[in-house]
Amino acid sequence: WRALPCDAGDIEAVVVTHAHLDHCGYLPRLVRH
C-alpha cells in the first residue's frame, strides 16, 4: 500500500523477468496509479 517514490505515469516501461506473483503481482496497482 506504500506509494512509490515516483509518479507511476512517469515510468516508460516495466521489464518482467517471469510470472511469479512476487515479480509481477504489483503491475495492476501500478496501472491503477
PDB file of all heavy atoms in Angstrom:
ATOM      1  N   TRP A   1       0.818  -1.214   0.000  1.00  0.00           N
ATOM      2  CA  TRP A   1       0.000   0.000   0.000  1.00  0.00           C
ATOM      3  C   TRP A   1       0.852   1.266   0.000  1.00  0.00           C
ATOM      4  O   TRP A   1       0.325   2.371  -0.103  1.00  0.00           O
ATOM      5  CB  TRP A   1      -0.928  -0.006   1.222  1.00  0.00           C
ATOM      6  CG  TRP A   1      -1.895  -1.143   1.194  1.00  0.00           C
ATOM      7  CD1 TRP A   1      -1.730  -2.381   1.739  1.00  0.00           C
ATOM      8  CD2 TRP A   1      -3.171  -1.161   0.566  1.00  0.00           C
ATOM      9  NE1 TRP A   1      -2.819  -3.172   1.497  1.00  0.00           N
ATOM     10  CE2 TRP A   1      -3.735  -2.447   0.779  1.00  0.00           C
ATOM     11  CE3 TRP A   1      -3.911  -0.221  -0.155  1.00  0.00           C
ATOM     12  CZ2 TRP A   1      -4.994  -2.809   0.296  1.00  0.00           C
ATOM     13  CZ3 TRP A   1      -5.161  -0.581  -0.628  1.00  0.00           C
ATOM     14  CH2 TRP A   1      -5.686  -1.847  -0.413  1.00  0.00           C
ATOM     15  N   ARG A   2       2.164   1.101   0.115  1.00  0.00           N
ATOM     16  CA  ARG A   2       3.069   2.256   0.163  1.00  0.00           C
ATOM     17  C   ARG A   2       3.235   2.851  -1.232  1.00  0.00           C
ATOM     18  O   ARG A   2       3.374   2.136  -2.221  1.00  0.00           O
ATOM     19  CB  ARG A   2       4.427   1.794   0.708  1.00  0.00           C
ATOM     20  CG  ARG A   2       5.465   2.895   0.820  1.00  0.00           C
ATOM     21  CD  ARG A   2       6.780   2.306   1.334  1.00  0.00           C
ATOM     22  NE  ARG A   2       7.317   1.308   0.405  1.00  0.00           N
ATOM     23  CZ  ARG A   2       8.439   0.628   0.609  1.00  0.00           C
ATOM     24  NH1 ARG A   2       9.121   0.807   1.737  1.00  0.00           N
ATOM     25  NH2 ARG A   2       8.874  -0.246  -0.286  1.00  0.00           N
ATOM     26  N   ALA A   3       3.225   4.177  -1.316  1.00  0.00           N
ATOM     27  CA  ALA A   3       3.398   4.847  -2.607  1.00  0.00           C
ATOM     28  C   ALA A   3       4.834   4.699  -3.094  1.00  0.00           C
ATOM     29  O   ALA A   3       5.786   4.683  -2.298  1.00  0.00           O
ATOM     30  CB  ALA A   3       3.056   6.324  -2.482  1.00  0.00           C
ATOM     31  N   LEU A   4       5.002   4.573  -4.402  1.00  0.00           N
ATOM     32  CA  LEU A   4       6.340   4.533  -4.985  1.00  0.00           C
ATOM     33  C   LEU A   4       6.966   5.921  -4.918  1.00  0.00           C
ATOM     34  O   LEU A   4       6.256   6.932  -4.835  1.00  0.00           O
ATOM     35  CB  LEU A   4       6.266   4.061  -6.437  1.00  0.00           C
ATOM     36  CG  LEU A   4       5.776   2.632  -6.676  1.00  0.00           C
ATOM     37  CD1 LEU A   4       5.773   2.328  -8.169  1.00  0.00           C
ATOM     38  CD2 LEU A   4       6.641   1.635  -5.947  1.00  0.00           C
ATOM     39  N   PRO A   5       8.302   6.008  -4.986  1.00  0.00           N
ATOM     40  CA  PRO A   5       8.967   7.317  -4.870  1.00  0.00           C
ATOM     41  C   PRO A   5       8.875   8.164  -6.131  1.00  0.00           C
ATOM     42  O   PRO A   5       9.438   9.251  -6.173  1.00  0.00           O
ATOM     43  CB  PRO A   5      10.425   6.932  -4.573  1.00  0.00           C
ATOM     44  CG  PRO A   5      10.590   5.595  -5.198  1.00  0.00           C
ATOM     45  CD  PRO A   5       9.269   4.906  -5.034  1.00  0.00           C
ATOM     46  N   CYS A   6       8.189   7.664  -7.163  1.00  0.00           N
ATOM     47  CA  CYS A   6       7.992   8.456  -8.373  1.00  0.00           C
ATOM     48  C   CYS A   6       6.572   8.241  -8.862  1.00  0.00           C
ATOM     49  O   CYS A   6       5.889   7.288  -8.463  1.00  0.00           O
ATOM     50  CB  CYS A   6       8.997   8.068  -9.456  1.00  0.00           C
ATOM     51  SG  CYS A   6       8.753   6.404 -10.118  1.00  0.00           S
ATOM     52  N   ASP A   7       6.112   9.134  -9.726  1.00  0.00           N
ATOM     53  CA  ASP A   7       4.782   9.023 -10.300  1.00  0.00           C
ATOM     54  C   ASP A   7       4.751   7.831 -11.256  1.00  0.00           C
ATOM     55  O   ASP A   7       5.612   7.710 -12.135  1.00  0.00           O
ATOM     56  CB  ASP A   7       4.445  10.317 -11.046  1.00  0.00           C
ATOM     57  CG  ASP A   7       2.972  10.393 -11.430  1.00  0.00           C
ATOM     58  OD1 ASP A   7       2.431   9.367 -11.893  1.00  0.00           O
ATOM     59  OD2 ASP A   7       2.384  11.465 -11.273  1.00  0.00           O
ATOM     60  N   ALA A   8       3.758   6.954 -11.075  1.00  0.00           N
ATOM     61  CA  ALA A   8       3.650   5.774 -11.945  1.00  0.00           C
ATOM     62  C   ALA A   8       3.562   6.179 -13.415  1.00  0.00           C
ATOM     63  O   ALA A   8       4.047   5.468 -14.295  1.00  0.00           O
ATOM     64  CB  ALA A   8       2.437   4.939 -11.550  1.00  0.00           C
ATOM     65  N   GLY A   9       2.945   7.321 -13.694  1.00  0.00           N
ATOM     66  CA  GLY A   9       2.813   7.776 -15.066  1.00  0.00           C
ATOM     67  C   GLY A   9       4.115   8.205 -15.700  1.00  0.00           C
ATOM     68  O   GLY A   9       4.186   8.364 -16.934  1.00  0.00           O
ATOM     69  N   ASP A  10       5.152   8.407 -14.896  1.00  0.00           N
ATOM     70  CA  ASP A  10       6.460   8.816 -15.428  1.00  0.00           C
ATOM     71  C   ASP A  10       7.349   7.629 -15.778  1.00  0.00           C
ATOM     72  O   ASP A  10       8.458   7.816 -16.282  1.00  0.00           O
ATOM     73  CB  ASP A  10       7.190   9.702 -14.415  1.00  0.00           C
ATOM     74  CG  ASP A  10       6.521  11.061 -14.245  1.00  0.00           C
ATOM     75  OD1 ASP A  10       5.800  11.475 -15.178  1.00  0.00           O
ATOM     76  OD2 ASP A  10       6.707  11.691 -13.186  1.00  0.00           O
ATOM     77  N   ILE A  11       6.902   6.419 -15.490  1.00  0.00           N
ATOM     78  CA  ILE A  11       7.674   5.224 -15.819  1.00  0.00           C
ATOM     79  C   ILE A  11       7.373   4.836 -17.261  1.00  0.00           C
ATOM     80  O   ILE A  11       6.212   4.632 -17.628  1.00  0.00           O
ATOM     81  CB  ILE A  11       7.347   4.067 -14.854  1.00  0.00           C
ATOM     82  CG1 ILE A  11       7.716   4.463 -13.414  1.00  0.00           C
ATOM     83  CG2 ILE A  11       8.082   2.791 -15.264  1.00  0.00           C
ATOM     84  CD1 ILE A  11       7.281   3.444 -12.374  1.00  0.00           C
ATOM     85  N   GLU A  12       8.414   4.769 -18.088  1.00  0.00           N
ATOM     86  CA  GLU A  12       8.197   4.470 -19.506  1.00  0.00           C
ATOM     87  C   GLU A  12       7.950   2.987 -19.767  1.00  0.00           C
ATOM     88  O   GLU A  12       7.213   2.625 -20.682  1.00  0.00           O
ATOM     89  CB  GLU A  12       9.411   4.915 -20.344  1.00  0.00           C
ATOM     90  CG  GLU A  12       9.471   6.400 -20.623  1.00  0.00           C
ATOM     91  CD  GLU A  12      10.194   7.181 -19.537  1.00  0.00           C
ATOM     92  OE1 GLU A  12      10.515   6.593 -18.479  1.00  0.00           O
ATOM     93  OE2 GLU A  12      10.445   8.369 -19.752  1.00  0.00           O
ATOM     94  N   ALA A  13       8.601   2.120 -18.998  1.00  0.00           N
ATOM     95  CA  ALA A  13       8.491   0.687 -19.274  1.00  0.00           C
ATOM     96  C   ALA A  13       8.757  -0.114 -18.009  1.00  0.00           C
ATOM     97  O   ALA A  13       9.452   0.339 -17.093  1.00  0.00           O
ATOM     98  CB  ALA A  13       9.480   0.271 -20.364  1.00  0.00           C
ATOM     99  N   VAL A  14       8.172  -1.316 -17.975  1.00  0.00           N
ATOM    100  CA  VAL A  14       8.465  -2.300 -16.934  1.00  0.00           C
ATOM    101  C   VAL A  14       8.956  -3.557 -17.625  1.00  0.00           C
ATOM    102  O   VAL A  14       8.333  -4.044 -18.579  1.00  0.00           O
ATOM    103  CB  VAL A  14       7.224  -2.638 -16.082  1.00  0.00           C
ATOM    104  CG1 VAL A  14       7.580  -3.684 -15.022  1.00  0.00           C
ATOM    105  CG2 VAL A  14       6.654  -1.387 -15.420  1.00  0.00           C
ATOM    106  N   VAL A  15      10.080  -4.073 -17.173  1.00  0.00           N
ATOM    107  CA  VAL A  15      10.602  -5.351 -17.658  1.00  0.00           C
ATOM    108  C   VAL A  15      10.260  -6.405 -16.616  1.00  0.00           C
ATOM    109  O   VAL A  15      10.607  -6.259 -15.439  1.00  0.00           O
ATOM    110  CB  VAL A  15      12.127  -5.287 -17.879  1.00  0.00           C
ATOM    111  CG1 VAL A  15      12.664  -6.651 -18.293  1.00  0.00           C
ATOM    112  CG2 VAL A  15      12.480  -4.234 -18.915  1.00  0.00           C
ATOM    113  N   VAL A  16       9.557  -7.466 -17.023  1.00  0.00           N
ATOM    114  CA  VAL A  16       9.151  -8.528 -16.104  1.00  0.00           C
ATOM    115  C   VAL A  16       9.953  -9.781 -16.421  1.00  0.00           C
ATOM    116  O   VAL A  16       9.893 -10.301 -17.537  1.00  0.00           O
ATOM    117  CB  VAL A  16       7.641  -8.818 -16.220  1.00  0.00           C
ATOM    118  CG1 VAL A  16       7.247  -9.986 -15.321  1.00  0.00           C
ATOM    119  CG2 VAL A  16       6.835  -7.570 -15.843  1.00  0.00           C
ATOM    120  N   THR A  17      10.688 -10.287 -15.420  1.00  0.00           N
ATOM    121  CA  THR A  17      11.549 -11.449 -15.654  1.00  0.00           C
ATOM    122  C   THR A  17      10.767 -12.758 -15.708  1.00  0.00           C
ATOM    123  O   THR A  17      11.149 -13.658 -16.442  1.00  0.00           O
ATOM    124  CB  THR A  17      12.640 -11.561 -14.581  1.00  0.00           C
ATOM    125  OG1 THR A  17      12.025 -11.696 -13.285  1.00  0.00           O
ATOM    126  CG2 THR A  17      13.554 -10.338 -14.602  1.00  0.00           C
ATOM    127  N   HIS A  18       9.685 -12.867 -14.927  1.00  0.00           N
ATOM    128  CA  HIS A  18       8.869 -14.077 -15.001  1.00  0.00           C
ATOM    129  C   HIS A  18       7.546 -13.845 -14.286  1.00  0.00           C
ATOM    130  O   HIS A  18       7.321 -12.781 -13.697  1.00  0.00           O
ATOM    131  CB  HIS A  18       9.609 -15.292 -14.442  1.00  0.00           C
ATOM    132  CG  HIS A  18       9.921 -15.229 -12.986  1.00  0.00           C
ATOM    133  ND1 HIS A  18      10.903 -14.418 -12.454  1.00  0.00           N
ATOM    134  CD2 HIS A  18       9.381 -15.888 -11.925  1.00  0.00           C
ATOM    135  CE1 HIS A  18      10.966 -14.580 -11.155  1.00  0.00           C
ATOM    136  NE2 HIS A  18      10.047 -15.468 -10.806  1.00  0.00           N
ATOM    137  N   ALA A  19       6.668 -14.847 -14.330  1.00  0.00           N
ATOM    138  CA  ALA A  19       5.263 -14.650 -13.973  1.00  0.00           C
ATOM    139  C   ALA A  19       4.912 -14.948 -12.528  1.00  0.00           C
ATOM    140  O   ALA A  19       3.729 -14.944 -12.185  1.00  0.00           O
ATOM    141  CB  ALA A  19       4.374 -15.502 -14.897  1.00  0.00           C
ATOM    142  N   HIS A  20       5.866 -15.195 -11.659  1.00  0.00           N
ATOM    143  CA  HIS A  20       5.513 -15.385 -10.259  1.00  0.00           C
ATOM    144  C   HIS A  20       5.019 -14.075  -9.657  1.00  0.00           C
ATOM    145  O   HIS A  20       5.504 -12.989 -10.005  1.00  0.00           O
ATOM    146  CB  HIS A  20       6.710 -15.916  -9.465  1.00  0.00           C
ATOM    147  CG  HIS A  20       6.865 -17.405  -9.553  1.00  0.00           C
ATOM    148  ND1 HIS A  20       8.095 -18.028  -9.574  1.00  0.00           N
ATOM    149  CD2 HIS A  20       5.939 -18.403  -9.632  1.00  0.00           C
ATOM    150  CE1 HIS A  20       7.917 -19.345  -9.656  1.00  0.00           C
ATOM    151  NE2 HIS A  20       6.623 -19.580  -9.693  1.00  0.00           N
ATOM    152  N   LEU A  21       4.095 -14.174  -8.702  1.00  0.00           N
ATOM    153  CA  LEU A  21       3.418 -13.006  -8.156  1.00  0.00           C
ATOM    154  C   LEU A  21       4.378 -12.022  -7.509  1.00  0.00           C
ATOM    155  O   LEU A  21       4.159 -10.802  -7.546  1.00  0.00           O
ATOM    156  CB  LEU A  21       2.370 -13.467  -7.130  1.00  0.00           C
ATOM    157  CG  LEU A  21       1.275 -12.486  -6.740  1.00  0.00           C
ATOM    158  CD1 LEU A  21       0.391 -12.153  -7.936  1.00  0.00           C
ATOM    159  CD2 LEU A  21       0.431 -13.057  -5.604  1.00  0.00           C
ATOM    160  N   ASP A  22       5.450 -12.534  -6.915  1.00  0.00           N
ATOM    161  CA  ASP A  22       6.409 -11.641  -6.252  1.00  0.00           C
ATOM    162  C   ASP A  22       7.290 -10.893  -7.245  1.00  0.00           C
ATOM    163  O   ASP A  22       8.137 -10.085  -6.840  1.00  0.00           O
ATOM    164  CB  ASP A  22       7.271 -12.416  -5.253  1.00  0.00           C
ATOM    165  CG  ASP A  22       7.973 -13.616  -5.851  1.00  0.00           C
ATOM    166  OD1 ASP A  22       7.534 -14.098  -6.912  1.00  0.00           O
ATOM    167  OD2 ASP A  22       8.961 -14.081  -5.269  1.00  0.00           O
ATOM    168  N   HIS A  23       7.079 -11.118  -8.548  1.00  0.00           N
ATOM    169  CA  HIS A  23       7.812 -10.393  -9.578  1.00  0.00           C
ATOM    170  C   HIS A  23       6.898  -9.619 -10.535  1.00  0.00           C
ATOM    171  O   HIS A  23       7.370  -8.741 -11.244  1.00  0.00           O
ATOM    172  CB  HIS A  23       8.700 -11.346 -10.380  1.00  0.00           C
ATOM    173  CG  HIS A  23       9.849 -11.878  -9.595  1.00  0.00           C
ATOM    174  ND1 HIS A  23      11.143 -11.382  -9.703  1.00  0.00           N
ATOM    175  CD2 HIS A  23       9.911 -12.859  -8.666  1.00  0.00           C
ATOM    176  CE1 HIS A  23      11.938 -12.041  -8.880  1.00  0.00           C
ATOM    177  NE2 HIS A  23      11.215 -12.943  -8.236  1.00  0.00           N
ATOM    178  N   CYS A  24       5.601  -9.963 -10.543  1.00  0.00           N
ATOM    179  CA  CYS A  24       4.689  -9.256 -11.461  1.00  0.00           C
ATOM    180  C   CYS A  24       3.390  -8.813 -10.801  1.00  0.00           C
ATOM    181  O   CYS A  24       2.604  -8.093 -11.417  1.00  0.00           O
ATOM    182  CB  CYS A  24       4.379 -10.128 -12.676  1.00  0.00           C
ATOM    183  SG  CYS A  24       3.261 -11.529 -12.335  1.00  0.00           S
ATOM    184  N   GLY A  25       3.140  -9.213  -9.562  1.00  0.00           N
ATOM    185  CA  GLY A  25       1.827  -9.027  -8.959  1.00  0.00           C
ATOM    186  C   GLY A  25       1.437  -7.618  -8.609  1.00  0.00           C
ATOM    187  O   GLY A  25       0.262  -7.354  -8.301  1.00  0.00           O
ATOM    188  N   TYR A  26       2.379  -6.656  -8.658  1.00  0.00           N
ATOM    189  CA  TYR A  26       2.048  -5.251  -8.363  1.00  0.00           C
ATOM    190  C   TYR A  26       1.647  -4.486  -9.618  1.00  0.00           C
ATOM    191  O   TYR A  26       1.204  -3.346  -9.532  1.00  0.00           O
ATOM    192  CB  TYR A  26       3.255  -4.582  -7.690  1.00  0.00           C
ATOM    193  CG  TYR A  26       2.974  -3.209  -7.100  1.00  0.00           C
ATOM    194  CD1 TYR A  26       2.403  -3.074  -5.836  1.00  0.00           C
ATOM    195  CD2 TYR A  26       3.295  -2.054  -7.808  1.00  0.00           C
ATOM    196  CE1 TYR A  26       2.160  -1.828  -5.290  1.00  0.00           C
ATOM    197  CE2 TYR A  26       3.056  -0.791  -7.259  1.00  0.00           C
ATOM    198  CZ  TYR A  26       2.480  -0.691  -6.008  1.00  0.00           C
ATOM    199  OH  TYR A  26       2.236   0.557  -5.471  1.00  0.00           O
ATOM    200  N   LEU A  27       1.781  -5.108 -10.792  1.00  0.00           N
ATOM    201  CA  LEU A  27       1.521  -4.400 -12.044  1.00  0.00           C
ATOM    202  C   LEU A  27       0.141  -3.746 -12.106  1.00  0.00           C
ATOM    203  O   LEU A  27       0.039  -2.561 -12.487  1.00  0.00           O
ATOM    204  CB  LEU A  27       1.703  -5.357 -13.226  1.00  0.00           C
ATOM    205  CG  LEU A  27       3.145  -5.636 -13.663  1.00  0.00           C
ATOM    206  CD1 LEU A  27       3.166  -6.794 -14.658  1.00  0.00           C
ATOM    207  CD2 LEU A  27       3.786  -4.395 -14.276  1.00  0.00           C
ATOM    208  N   PRO A  28      -0.953  -4.440 -11.773  1.00  0.00           N
ATOM    209  CA  PRO A  28      -2.254  -3.774 -11.851  1.00  0.00           C
ATOM    210  C   PRO A  28      -2.375  -2.584 -10.905  1.00  0.00           C
ATOM    211  O   PRO A  28      -3.098  -1.625 -11.202  1.00  0.00           O
ATOM    212  CB  PRO A  28      -3.244  -4.889 -11.481  1.00  0.00           C
ATOM    213  CG  PRO A  28      -2.520  -6.160 -11.799  1.00  0.00           C
ATOM    214  CD  PRO A  28      -1.095  -5.872 -11.446  1.00  0.00           C
ATOM    215  N   ARG A  29      -1.694  -2.638  -9.783  1.00  0.00           N
ATOM    216  CA  ARG A  29      -1.686  -1.488  -8.862  1.00  0.00           C
ATOM    217  C   ARG A  29      -0.957  -0.313  -9.515  1.00  0.00           C
ATOM    218  O   ARG A  29      -1.388   0.841  -9.402  1.00  0.00           O
ATOM    219  CB  ARG A  29      -0.999  -1.883  -7.559  1.00  0.00           C
ATOM    220  CG  ARG A  29      -0.967  -0.791  -6.493  1.00  0.00           C
ATOM    221  CD  ARG A  29      -2.313  -0.568  -5.867  1.00  0.00           C
ATOM    222  NE  ARG A  29      -2.267   0.393  -4.777  1.00  0.00           N
ATOM    223  CZ  ARG A  29      -3.336   0.798  -4.109  1.00  0.00           C
ATOM    224  NH1 ARG A  29      -4.538   0.310  -4.411  1.00  0.00           N
ATOM    225  NH2 ARG A  29      -3.230   1.676  -3.128  1.00  0.00           N
ATOM    226  N   LEU A  30       0.150  -0.610 -10.191  1.00  0.00           N
ATOM    227  CA  LEU A  30       0.895   0.431 -10.891  1.00  0.00           C
ATOM    228  C   LEU A  30       0.024   1.058 -11.978  1.00  0.00           C
ATOM    229  O   LEU A  30       0.025   2.289 -12.163  1.00  0.00           O
ATOM    230  CB  LEU A  30       2.159  -0.171 -11.503  1.00  0.00           C
ATOM    231  CG  LEU A  30       3.225   0.803 -12.007  1.00  0.00           C
ATOM    232  CD1 LEU A  30       3.920   1.485 -10.836  1.00  0.00           C
ATOM    233  CD2 LEU A  30       4.248   0.067 -12.871  1.00  0.00           C
ATOM    234  N   VAL A  31      -0.714   0.238 -12.694  1.00  0.00           N
ATOM    235  CA  VAL A  31      -1.613   0.739 -13.737  1.00  0.00           C
ATOM    236  C   VAL A  31      -2.737   1.552 -13.121  1.00  0.00           C
ATOM    237  O   VAL A  31      -3.121   2.613 -13.646  1.00  0.00           O
ATOM    238  CB  VAL A  31      -2.161  -0.444 -14.566  1.00  0.00           C
ATOM    239  CG1 VAL A  31      -3.290  -0.005 -15.483  1.00  0.00           C
ATOM    240  CG2 VAL A  31      -1.032  -1.080 -15.382  1.00  0.00           C
ATOM    241  N   ARG A  32      -3.263   1.115 -12.004  1.00  0.00           N
ATOM    242  CA  ARG A  32      -4.315   1.883 -11.315  1.00  0.00           C
ATOM    243  C   ARG A  32      -3.819   3.279 -10.966  1.00  0.00           C
ATOM    244  O   ARG A  32      -4.594   4.247 -10.978  1.00  0.00           O
ATOM    245  CB  ARG A  32      -4.767   1.137 -10.057  1.00  0.00           C
ATOM    246  CG  ARG A  32      -5.755   1.914  -9.207  1.00  0.00           C
ATOM    247  CD  ARG A  32      -6.278   1.103  -8.045  1.00  0.00           C
ATOM    248  NE  ARG A  32      -7.385   0.230  -8.447  1.00  0.00           N
ATOM    249  CZ  ARG A  32      -8.313  -0.234  -7.590  1.00  0.00           C
ATOM    250  NH1 ARG A  32      -8.260   0.076  -6.309  1.00  0.00           N
ATOM    251  NH2 ARG A  32      -9.279  -1.022  -8.030  1.00  0.00           N
ATOM    252  N   HIS A  33      -2.524   3.403 -10.690  1.00  0.00           N
ATOM    253  CA  HIS A  33      -1.957   4.704 -10.312  1.00  0.00           C
ATOM    254  C   HIS A  33      -1.447   5.502 -11.512  1.00  0.00           C
ATOM    255  O   HIS A  33      -0.812   6.541 -11.321  1.00  0.00           O
ATOM    256  CB  HIS A  33      -0.839   4.511  -9.286  1.00  0.00           C
ATOM    257  CG  HIS A  33      -1.340   4.258  -7.902  1.00  0.00           C
ATOM    258  ND1 HIS A  33      -1.867   5.237  -7.102  1.00  0.00           N
ATOM    259  CD2 HIS A  33      -1.435   3.105  -7.181  1.00  0.00           C
ATOM    260  CE1 HIS A  33      -2.239   4.731  -5.943  1.00  0.00           C
ATOM    261  NE2 HIS A  33      -1.999   3.434  -5.968  1.00  0.00           N
TER     262      HIS A  33
END
